[in-house]
PDB file of all heavy atoms in Angstrom:
ATOM      1  N   GLN A   1      45.391 -95.135-139.279  1.00  0.00           N
ATOM      2  CA  GLN A   1      44.315 -94.576-138.484  1.00  0.00           C
ATOM      3  C   GLN A   1      43.773 -95.508-137.413  1.00  0.00           C
ATOM      4  O   GLN A   1      42.870 -95.145-136.694  1.00  0.00           O
ATOM      5  CB  GLN A   1      43.174 -94.128-139.396  1.00  0.00           C
ATOM      6  CG  GLN A   1      43.506 -92.866-140.161  1.00  0.00           C
ATOM      7  CD  GLN A   1      42.295 -92.286-140.845  1.00  0.00           C
ATOM      8  OE1 GLN A   1      41.257 -92.926-140.953  1.00  0.00           O
ATOM      9  NE2 GLN A   1      42.415 -91.071-141.328  1.00  0.00           N
ATOM     10  N   LYS A   2      44.283 -96.708-137.312  1.00  0.00           N
ATOM     11  CA  LYS A   2      43.759 -97.625-136.318  1.00  0.00           C
ATOM     12  C   LYS A   2      44.459 -97.389-134.979  1.00  0.00           C
ATOM     13  O   LYS A   2      45.677 -97.327-134.902  1.00  0.00           O
ATOM     14  CB  LYS A   2      43.944 -99.067-136.767  1.00  0.00           C
ATOM     15  CG  LYS A   2      43.072 -99.419-137.954  1.00  0.00           C
ATOM     16  CD  LYS A   2      43.226-100.874-138.338  1.00  0.00           C
ATOM     17  CE  LYS A   2      42.330-101.170-139.529  1.00  0.00           C
ATOM     18  NZ  LYS A   2      42.452-102.569-139.975  1.00  0.00           N
ATOM     19  N   ARG A   3      43.620 -97.264-133.979  1.00  0.00           N
ATOM     20  CA  ARG A   3      44.131 -97.073-132.621  1.00  0.00           C
ATOM     21  C   ARG A   3      43.419 -98.038-131.684  1.00  0.00           C
ATOM     22  O   ARG A   3      42.235 -98.306-131.837  1.00  0.00           O
ATOM     23  CB  ARG A   3      43.905 -95.633-132.153  1.00  0.00           C
ATOM     24  CG  ARG A   3      44.688 -94.586-132.934  1.00  0.00           C
ATOM     25  CD  ARG A   3      44.221 -93.191-132.581  1.00  0.00           C
ATOM     26  NE  ARG A   3      42.837 -92.977-132.992  1.00  0.00           N
ATOM     27  CZ  ARG A   3      42.150 -91.862-132.733  1.00  0.00           C
ATOM     28  NH1 ARG A   3      42.701 -90.884-132.046  1.00  0.00           N
ATOM     29  NH2 ARG A   3      40.903 -91.736-133.148  1.00  0.00           N
ATOM     30  N   VAL A   4      44.178 -98.544-130.745  1.00  0.00           N
ATOM     31  CA  VAL A   4      43.622 -99.401-129.705  1.00  0.00           C
ATOM     32  C   VAL A   4      43.716 -98.645-128.390  1.00  0.00           C
ATOM     33  O   VAL A   4      44.793 -98.187-128.006  1.00  0.00           O
ATOM     34  CB  VAL A   4      44.382-100.738-129.609  1.00  0.00           C
ATOM     35  CG1 VAL A   4      43.843-101.583-128.454  1.00  0.00           C
ATOM     36  CG2 VAL A   4      44.279-101.505-130.918  1.00  0.00           C
ATOM     37  N   PHE A   5      42.576 -98.488-127.735  1.00  0.00           N
ATOM     38  CA  PHE A   5      42.534 -97.824-126.437  1.00  0.00           C
ATOM     39  C   PHE A   5      42.253 -98.865-125.360  1.00  0.00           C
ATOM     40  O   PHE A   5      41.260 -99.584-125.423  1.00  0.00           O
ATOM     41  CB  PHE A   5      41.432 -96.758-126.407  1.00  0.00           C
ATOM     42  CG  PHE A   5      41.702 -95.577-127.292  1.00  0.00           C
ATOM     43  CD1 PHE A   5      41.300 -95.575-128.617  1.00  0.00           C
ATOM     44  CD2 PHE A   5      42.370 -94.468-126.793  1.00  0.00           C
ATOM     45  CE1 PHE A   5      41.550 -94.483-129.432  1.00  0.00           C
ATOM     46  CE2 PHE A   5      42.621 -93.376-127.603  1.00  0.00           C
ATOM     47  CZ  PHE A   5      42.212 -93.377-128.927  1.00  0.00           C
ATOM     48  N   VAL A   6      43.146 -98.926-124.384  1.00  0.00           N
ATOM     49  CA  VAL A   6      42.924 -99.768-123.210  1.00  0.00           C
ATOM     50  C   VAL A   6      42.452 -98.845-122.095  1.00  0.00           C
ATOM     51  O   VAL A   6      43.194 -97.968-121.643  1.00  0.00           O
ATOM     52  CB  VAL A   6      44.206-100.511-122.798  1.00  0.00           C
ATOM     53  CG1 VAL A   6      43.968-101.343-121.539  1.00  0.00           C
ATOM     54  CG2 VAL A   6      44.699-101.394-123.942  1.00  0.00           C
ATOM     55  N   GLU A   7      41.214 -99.008-121.682  1.00  0.00           N
ATOM     56  CA  GLU A   7      40.596 -98.104-120.712  1.00  0.00           C
ATOM     57  C   GLU A   7      40.299 -98.854-119.413  1.00  0.00           C
ATOM     58  O   GLU A   7      40.087-100.068-119.411  1.00  0.00           O
ATOM     59  CB  GLU A   7      39.288 -97.538-121.274  1.00  0.00           C
ATOM     60  CG  GLU A   7      39.458 -96.803-122.596  1.00  0.00           C
ATOM     61  CD  GLU A   7      38.134 -96.354-123.185  1.00  0.00           C
ATOM     62  OE1 GLU A   7      37.092 -96.584-122.536  1.00  0.00           O
ATOM     63  OE2 GLU A   7      38.142 -95.785-124.285  1.00  0.00           O
ATOM     64  N   PHE A   8      40.256 -98.101-118.315  1.00  0.00           N
ATOM     65  CA  PHE A   8      39.924 -98.689-117.017  1.00  0.00           C
ATOM     66  C   PHE A   8      38.620 -98.091-116.504  1.00  0.00           C
ATOM     67  O   PHE A   8      38.361 -96.899-116.648  1.00  0.00           O
ATOM     68  CB  PHE A   8      41.032 -98.428-116.001  1.00  0.00           C
ATOM     69  CG  PHE A   8      42.148 -99.432-116.085  1.00  0.00           C
ATOM     70  CD1 PHE A   8      43.126 -99.314-117.055  1.00  0.00           C
ATOM     71  CD2 PHE A   8      42.210-100.506-115.208  1.00  0.00           C
ATOM     72  CE1 PHE A   8      44.152-100.244-117.149  1.00  0.00           C
ATOM     73  CE2 PHE A   8      43.223-101.438-115.298  1.00  0.00           C
ATOM     74  CZ  PHE A   8      44.195-101.310-116.266  1.00  0.00           C
ATOM     75  N   GLU A   9      37.814 -98.958-115.925  1.00  0.00           N
ATOM     76  CA  GLU A   9      36.605 -98.519-115.250  1.00  0.00           C
ATOM     77  C   GLU A   9      36.487 -99.300-113.942  1.00  0.00           C
ATOM     78  O   GLU A   9      37.146-100.328-113.750  1.00  0.00           O
ATOM     79  CB  GLU A   9      35.372 -98.726-116.119  1.00  0.00           C
ATOM     80  CG  GLU A   9      35.104-100.167-116.490  1.00  0.00           C
ATOM     81  CD  GLU A   9      33.846-100.306-117.344  1.00  0.00           C
ATOM     82  OE1 GLU A   9      33.364 -99.291-117.864  1.00  0.00           O
ATOM     83  OE2 GLU A   9      33.352-101.440-117.464  1.00  0.00           O
ATOM     84  N   TYR A  10      35.624 -98.806-113.043  1.00  0.00           N
ATOM     85  CA  TYR A  10      35.616 -99.301-111.672  1.00  0.00           C
ATOM     86  C   TYR A  10      34.204 -99.695-111.272  1.00  0.00           C
ATOM     87  O   TYR A  10      33.267 -98.897-111.366  1.00  0.00           O
ATOM     88  CB  TYR A  10      36.164 -98.224-110.732  1.00  0.00           C
ATOM     89  CG  TYR A  10      37.417 -97.592-111.298  1.00  0.00           C
ATOM     90  CD1 TYR A  10      37.365 -96.333-111.908  1.00  0.00           C
ATOM     91  CD2 TYR A  10      38.624 -98.271-111.290  1.00  0.00           C
ATOM     92  CE1 TYR A  10      38.486 -95.770-112.465  1.00  0.00           C
ATOM     93  CE2 TYR A  10      39.761 -97.714-111.846  1.00  0.00           C
ATOM     94  CZ  TYR A  10      39.689 -96.469-112.436  1.00  0.00           C
ATOM     95  OH  TYR A  10      40.810 -95.917-113.005  1.00  0.00           O
ATOM     96  N   TYR A  11      34.068-100.940-110.828  1.00  0.00           N
ATOM     97  CA  TYR A  11      32.780-101.472-110.396  1.00  0.00           C
ATOM     98  C   TYR A  11      32.933-102.050-108.993  1.00  0.00           C
ATOM     99  O   TYR A  11      34.032-102.422-108.571  1.00  0.00           O
ATOM    100  CB  TYR A  11      32.308-102.575-111.343  1.00  0.00           C
ATOM    101  CG  TYR A  11      31.497-102.075-112.517  1.00  0.00           C
ATOM    102  CD1 TYR A  11      32.024-101.139-113.406  1.00  0.00           C
ATOM    103  CD2 TYR A  11      30.209-102.530-112.749  1.00  0.00           C
ATOM    104  CE1 TYR A  11      31.294-100.671-114.484  1.00  0.00           C
ATOM    105  CE2 TYR A  11      29.464-102.072-113.828  1.00  0.00           C
ATOM    106  CZ  TYR A  11      30.009-101.145-114.689  1.00  0.00           C
ATOM    107  OH  TYR A  11      29.279-100.682-115.749  1.00  0.00           O
ATOM    108  N   CYS A  12      31.815-102.119-108.287  1.00  0.00           N
ATOM    109  CA  CYS A  12      31.792-102.776-106.986  1.00  0.00           C
ATOM    110  C   CYS A  12      30.438-103.462-106.832  1.00  0.00           C
ATOM    111  O   CYS A  12      29.396-102.833-107.077  1.00  0.00           O
ATOM    112  CB  CYS A  12      32.023-101.768-105.859  1.00  0.00           C
ATOM    113  SG  CYS A  12      32.356-102.534-104.256  1.00  0.00           S
ATOM    114  N   ASN A  13      30.466-104.709-106.484  1.00  0.00           N
ATOM    115  CA  ASN A  13      29.227-105.509-106.371  1.00  0.00           C
ATOM    116  C   ASN A  13      28.381-105.434-107.640  1.00  0.00           C
ATOM    117  O   ASN A  13      27.153-105.356-107.597  1.00  0.00           O
ATOM    118  CB  ASN A  13      28.398-105.067-105.162  1.00  0.00           C
ATOM    119  CG  ASN A  13      29.030-105.487-103.840  1.00  0.00           C
ATOM    120  OD1 ASN A  13      30.076-106.122-103.820  1.00  0.00           O
ATOM    121  ND2 ASN A  13      28.395-105.128-102.748  1.00  0.00           N
ATOM    122  N   GLY A  14      29.066-105.426-108.781  1.00  0.00           N
ATOM    123  CA  GLY A  14      28.377-105.481-110.061  1.00  0.00           C
ATOM    124  C   GLY A  14      27.818-104.168-110.557  1.00  0.00           C
ATOM    125  O   GLY A  14      27.172-104.132-111.604  1.00  0.00           O
ATOM    126  N   GLN A  15      28.085-103.059-109.849  1.00  0.00           N
ATOM    127  CA  GLN A  15      27.564-101.749-110.236  1.00  0.00           C
ATOM    128  C   GLN A  15      28.715-100.749-110.375  1.00  0.00           C
ATOM    129  O   GLN A  15      29.747-100.894-109.725  1.00  0.00           O
ATOM    130  CB  GLN A  15      26.575-101.237-109.185  1.00  0.00           C
ATOM    131  CG  GLN A  15      25.351-102.127-109.001  1.00  0.00           C
ATOM    132  CD  GLN A  15      24.492-102.193-110.242  1.00  0.00           C
ATOM    133  OE1 GLN A  15      24.352-101.210-110.966  1.00  0.00           O
ATOM    134  NE2 GLN A  15      23.906-103.358-110.505  1.00  0.00           N
ATOM    135  N   PRO A  16      28.541 -99.710-111.211  1.00  0.00           N
ATOM    136  CA  PRO A  16      29.580 -98.683-111.302  1.00  0.00           C
ATOM    137  C   PRO A  16      29.901 -98.095-109.930  1.00  0.00           C
ATOM    138  O   PRO A  16      29.001 -97.879-109.115  1.00  0.00           O
ATOM    139  CB  PRO A  16      28.957 -97.634-112.232  1.00  0.00           C
ATOM    140  CG  PRO A  16      27.982 -98.403-113.056  1.00  0.00           C
ATOM    141  CD  PRO A  16      27.421 -99.450-112.143  1.00  0.00           C
ATOM    142  N   LEU A  17      31.167 -97.844-109.684  1.00  0.00           N
ATOM    143  CA  LEU A  17      31.615 -97.370-108.381  1.00  0.00           C
ATOM    144  C   LEU A  17      30.993 -96.020-108.031  1.00  0.00           C
ATOM    145  O   LEU A  17      30.973 -95.093-108.839  1.00  0.00           O
ATOM    146  CB  LEU A  17      33.141 -97.220-108.388  1.00  0.00           C
ATOM    147  CG  LEU A  17      33.767 -96.605-107.129  1.00  0.00           C
ATOM    148  CD1 LEU A  17      33.524 -97.481-105.910  1.00  0.00           C
ATOM    149  CD2 LEU A  17      35.254 -96.367-107.340  1.00  0.00           C
ATOM    150  N   GLN A  18      30.476 -95.937-106.813  1.00  0.00           N
ATOM    151  CA  GLN A  18      30.057 -94.669-106.223  1.00  0.00           C
ATOM    152  C   GLN A  18      30.885 -94.472-104.951  1.00  0.00           C
ATOM    153  O   GLN A  18      30.868 -95.324-104.071  1.00  0.00           O
ATOM    154  CB  GLN A  18      28.566 -94.675-105.883  1.00  0.00           C
ATOM    155  CG  GLN A  18      27.662 -94.815-107.088  1.00  0.00           C
ATOM    156  CD  GLN A  18      26.193 -94.690-106.711  1.00  0.00           C
ATOM    157  OE1 GLN A  18      25.809 -93.797-105.960  1.00  0.00           O
ATOM    158  NE2 GLN A  18      25.375 -95.580-107.218  1.00  0.00           N
ATOM    159  N   THR A  19      31.595 -93.375-104.885  1.00  0.00           N
ATOM    160  CA  THR A  19      32.458 -93.137-103.730  1.00  0.00           C
ATOM    161  C   THR A  19      31.727 -92.343-102.651  1.00  0.00           C
ATOM    162  O   THR A  19      30.740 -91.654-102.914  1.00  0.00           O
ATOM    163  CB  THR A  19      33.719 -92.363-104.150  1.00  0.00           C
ATOM    164  OG1 THR A  19      33.337 -91.145-104.809  1.00  0.00           O
ATOM    165  CG2 THR A  19      34.580 -93.201-105.091  1.00  0.00           C
ATOM    166  N   ASN A  20      32.240 -92.501-101.432  1.00  0.00           N
ATOM    167  CA  ASN A  20      31.783 -91.714-100.279  1.00  0.00           C
ATOM    168  C   ASN A  20      30.305 -91.908 -99.943  1.00  0.00           C
ATOM    169  O   ASN A  20      29.630 -90.981 -99.505  1.00  0.00           O
ATOM    170  CB  ASN A  20      32.084 -90.226-100.502  1.00  0.00           C
ATOM    171  CG  ASN A  20      33.554 -89.967-100.724  1.00  0.00           C
ATOM    172  OD1 ASN A  20      34.387 -90.368 -99.916  1.00  0.00           O
ATOM    173  ND2 ASN A  20      33.895 -89.329-101.821  1.00  0.00           N
ATOM    174  N   LYS A  21      29.805 -93.127-100.163  1.00  0.00           N
ATOM    175  CA  LYS A  21      28.437 -93.465 -99.780  1.00  0.00           C
ATOM    176  C   LYS A  21      28.450 -94.854 -99.158  1.00  0.00           C
ATOM    177  O   LYS A  21      29.145 -95.744 -99.638  1.00  0.00           O
ATOM    178  CB  LYS A  21      27.504 -93.462-100.990  1.00  0.00           C
ATOM    179  CG  LYS A  21      27.314 -92.115-101.657  1.00  0.00           C
ATOM    180  CD  LYS A  21      26.358 -92.230-102.833  1.00  0.00           C
ATOM    181  CE  LYS A  21      26.152 -90.885-103.509  1.00  0.00           C
ATOM    182  NZ  LYS A  21      25.227 -90.982-104.671  1.00  0.00           N
ATOM    183  N   TYR A  22      27.647 -95.056 -98.085  1.00  0.00           N
ATOM    184  CA  TYR A  22      27.485 -96.397 -97.549  1.00  0.00           C
ATOM    185  C   TYR A  22      26.522 -97.144 -98.460  1.00  0.00           C
ATOM    186  O   TYR A  22      25.322 -97.129 -98.292  1.00  0.00           O
ATOM    187  CB  TYR A  22      26.984 -96.358 -96.112  1.00  0.00           C
ATOM    188  CG  TYR A  22      28.056 -95.938 -95.140  1.00  0.00           C
ATOM    189  CD1 TYR A  22      27.980 -94.735 -94.457  1.00  0.00           C
ATOM    190  CD2 TYR A  22      29.167 -96.748 -94.938  1.00  0.00           C
ATOM    191  CE1 TYR A  22      28.979 -94.341 -93.596  1.00  0.00           C
ATOM    192  CE2 TYR A  22      30.174 -96.359 -94.075  1.00  0.00           C
ATOM    193  CZ  TYR A  22      30.078 -95.158 -93.397  1.00  0.00           C
ATOM    194  OH  TYR A  22      31.077 -94.769 -92.548  1.00  0.00           O
ATOM    195  N   PHE A  23      27.098 -97.764 -99.427  1.00  0.00           N
ATOM    196  CA  PHE A  23      26.310 -98.338-100.505  1.00  0.00           C
ATOM    197  C   PHE A  23      26.550 -99.833-100.654  1.00  0.00           C
ATOM    198  O   PHE A  23      25.729-100.545-101.198  1.00  0.00           O
ATOM    199  CB  PHE A  23      26.673 -97.613-101.805  1.00  0.00           C
ATOM    200  CG  PHE A  23      25.851 -98.002-102.984  1.00  0.00           C
ATOM    201  CD1 PHE A  23      24.564 -97.517-103.149  1.00  0.00           C
ATOM    202  CD2 PHE A  23      26.340 -98.866-103.948  1.00  0.00           C
ATOM    203  CE1 PHE A  23      23.796 -97.867-104.249  1.00  0.00           C
ATOM    204  CE2 PHE A  23      25.592 -99.225-105.040  1.00  0.00           C
ATOM    205  CZ  PHE A  23      24.318 -98.734-105.195  1.00  0.00           C
ATOM    206  N   TYR A  24      27.679-100.335-100.151  1.00  0.00           N
ATOM    207  CA  TYR A  24      28.098-101.693-100.415  1.00  0.00           C
ATOM    208  C   TYR A  24      28.066-102.535 -99.140  1.00  0.00           C
ATOM    209  O   TYR A  24      28.256-102.027 -98.040  1.00  0.00           O
ATOM    210  CB  TYR A  24      29.512-101.709-100.999  1.00  0.00           C
ATOM    211  CG  TYR A  24      29.632-100.837-102.219  1.00  0.00           C
ATOM    212  CD1 TYR A  24      30.323 -99.627-102.177  1.00  0.00           C
ATOM    213  CD2 TYR A  24      29.020-101.198-103.413  1.00  0.00           C
ATOM    214  CE1 TYR A  24      30.411 -98.820-103.288  1.00  0.00           C
ATOM    215  CE2 TYR A  24      29.096-100.389-104.530  1.00  0.00           C
ATOM    216  CZ  TYR A  24      29.802 -99.198-104.468  1.00  0.00           C
ATOM    217  OH  TYR A  24      29.869 -98.408-105.569  1.00  0.00           O
ATOM    218  N   VAL A  25      27.834-103.823 -99.326  1.00  0.00           N
ATOM    219  CA  VAL A  25      27.868-104.791 -98.226  1.00  0.00           C
ATOM    220  C   VAL A  25      28.738-105.956 -98.687  1.00  0.00           C
ATOM    221  O   VAL A  25      28.519-106.504 -99.776  1.00  0.00           O
ATOM    222  CB  VAL A  25      26.459-105.287 -97.856  1.00  0.00           C
ATOM    223  CG1 VAL A  25      26.540-106.327 -96.740  1.00  0.00           C
ATOM    224  CG2 VAL A  25      25.567-104.121 -97.441  1.00  0.00           C
ATOM    225  N   ASN A  26      29.732-106.328 -97.870  1.00  0.00           N
ATOM    226  CA  ASN A  26      30.607-107.423 -98.279  1.00  0.00           C
ATOM    227  C   ASN A  26      30.036-108.777 -97.867  1.00  0.00           C
ATOM    228  O   ASN A  26      28.936-108.869 -97.315  1.00  0.00           O
ATOM    229  CB  ASN A  26      32.027-107.211 -97.742  1.00  0.00           C
ATOM    230  CG  ASN A  26      32.124-107.320 -96.229  1.00  0.00           C
ATOM    231  OD1 ASN A  26      31.201-107.791 -95.555  1.00  0.00           O
ATOM    232  ND2 ASN A  26      33.244-106.884 -95.685  1.00  0.00           N
ATOM    233  N   SER A  27      30.789-109.845 -98.141  1.00  0.00           N
ATOM    234  CA  SER A  27      30.288-111.201 -97.906  1.00  0.00           C
ATOM    235  C   SER A  27      30.100-111.512 -96.432  1.00  0.00           C
ATOM    236  O   SER A  27      29.424-112.487 -96.084  1.00  0.00           O
ATOM    237  CB  SER A  27      31.241-112.222 -98.532  1.00  0.00           C
ATOM    238  OG  SER A  27      32.546-112.105 -97.978  1.00  0.00           O
ATOM    239  N   LEU A  28      30.680-110.693 -95.548  1.00  0.00           N
ATOM    240  CA  LEU A  28      30.518-110.872 -94.110  1.00  0.00           C
ATOM    241  C   LEU A  28      29.375-110.025 -93.560  1.00  0.00           C
ATOM    242  O   LEU A  28      29.150-109.995 -92.348  1.00  0.00           O
ATOM    243  CB  LEU A  28      31.822-110.531 -93.385  1.00  0.00           C
ATOM    244  CG  LEU A  28      33.021-111.427 -93.721  1.00  0.00           C
ATOM    245  CD1 LEU A  28      34.283-110.915 -93.039  1.00  0.00           C
ATOM    246  CD2 LEU A  28      32.753-112.871 -93.330  1.00  0.00           C
ATOM    247  N   GLY A  29      28.682-109.299 -94.446  1.00  0.00           N
ATOM    248  CA  GLY A  29      27.577-108.465 -94.012  1.00  0.00           C
ATOM    249  C   GLY A  29      27.984-107.101 -93.511  1.00  0.00           C
ATOM    250  O   GLY A  29      27.173-106.381 -92.905  1.00  0.00           O
ATOM    251  N   THR A  30      29.216-106.691 -93.774  1.00  0.00           N
ATOM    252  CA  THR A  30      29.728-105.399 -93.326  1.00  0.00           C
ATOM    253  C   THR A  30      29.388-104.309 -94.342  1.00  0.00           C
ATOM    254  O   THR A  30      29.693-104.446 -95.534  1.00  0.00           O
ATOM    255  CB  THR A  30      31.262-105.451 -93.140  1.00  0.00           C
ATOM    256  OG1 THR A  30      31.581-106.486 -92.206  1.00  0.00           O
ATOM    257  CG2 THR A  30      31.802-104.128 -92.646  1.00  0.00           C
ATOM    258  N   SER A  31      28.785-103.231 -93.878  1.00  0.00           N
ATOM    259  CA  SER A  31      28.504-102.083 -94.750  1.00  0.00           C
ATOM    260  C   SER A  31      29.755-101.223 -94.868  1.00  0.00           C
ATOM    261  O   SER A  31      30.443-100.974 -93.870  1.00  0.00           O
ATOM    262  CB  SER A  31      27.359-101.245 -94.172  1.00  0.00           C
ATOM    263  OG  SER A  31      26.157-101.993 -94.138  1.00  0.00           O
ATOM    264  N   TYR A  32      30.030-100.772 -96.080  1.00  0.00           N
ATOM    265  CA  TYR A  32      31.253 -99.978 -96.269  1.00  0.00           C
ATOM    266  C   TYR A  32      31.086 -99.013 -97.433  1.00  0.00           C
ATOM    267  O   TYR A  32      30.197 -99.156 -98.278  1.00  0.00           O
ATOM    268  CB  TYR A  32      32.460-100.878 -96.481  1.00  0.00           C
ATOM    269  CG  TYR A  32      32.462-101.675 -97.769  1.00  0.00           C
ATOM    270  CD1 TYR A  32      33.209-101.255 -98.870  1.00  0.00           C
ATOM    271  CD2 TYR A  32      31.737-102.861 -97.893  1.00  0.00           C
ATOM    272  CE1 TYR A  32      33.237-101.982-100.042  1.00  0.00           C
ATOM    273  CE2 TYR A  32      31.755-103.595 -99.064  1.00  0.00           C
ATOM    274  CZ  TYR A  32      32.508-103.155-100.135  1.00  0.00           C
ATOM    275  OH  TYR A  32      32.530-103.886-101.311  1.00  0.00           O
ATOM    276  N   GLN A  33      31.970 -98.025 -97.441  1.00  0.00           N
ATOM    277  CA  GLN A  33      32.057 -97.085 -98.553  1.00  0.00           C
ATOM    278  C   GLN A  33      33.499 -96.978 -98.983  1.00  0.00           C
ATOM    279  O   GLN A  33      34.432 -97.218 -98.199  1.00  0.00           O
ATOM    280  CB  GLN A  33      31.522 -95.705 -98.172  1.00  0.00           C
ATOM    281  CG  GLN A  33      32.328 -94.997 -97.115  1.00  0.00           C
ATOM    282  CD  GLN A  33      31.839 -93.589 -96.840  1.00  0.00           C
ATOM    283  OE1 GLN A  33      32.635 -92.658 -96.803  1.00  0.00           O
ATOM    284  NE2 GLN A  33      30.531 -93.432 -96.622  1.00  0.00           N
TER     285      GLN A  33
END
């Protein structure tokens, strides 16, 4: 009955990924989605 699940999740700048929003700023100060 033992199962190992390897799961993937997506983060950006330390937060769960939100797509299609200008939410992130990179190290050069560029806003992006």
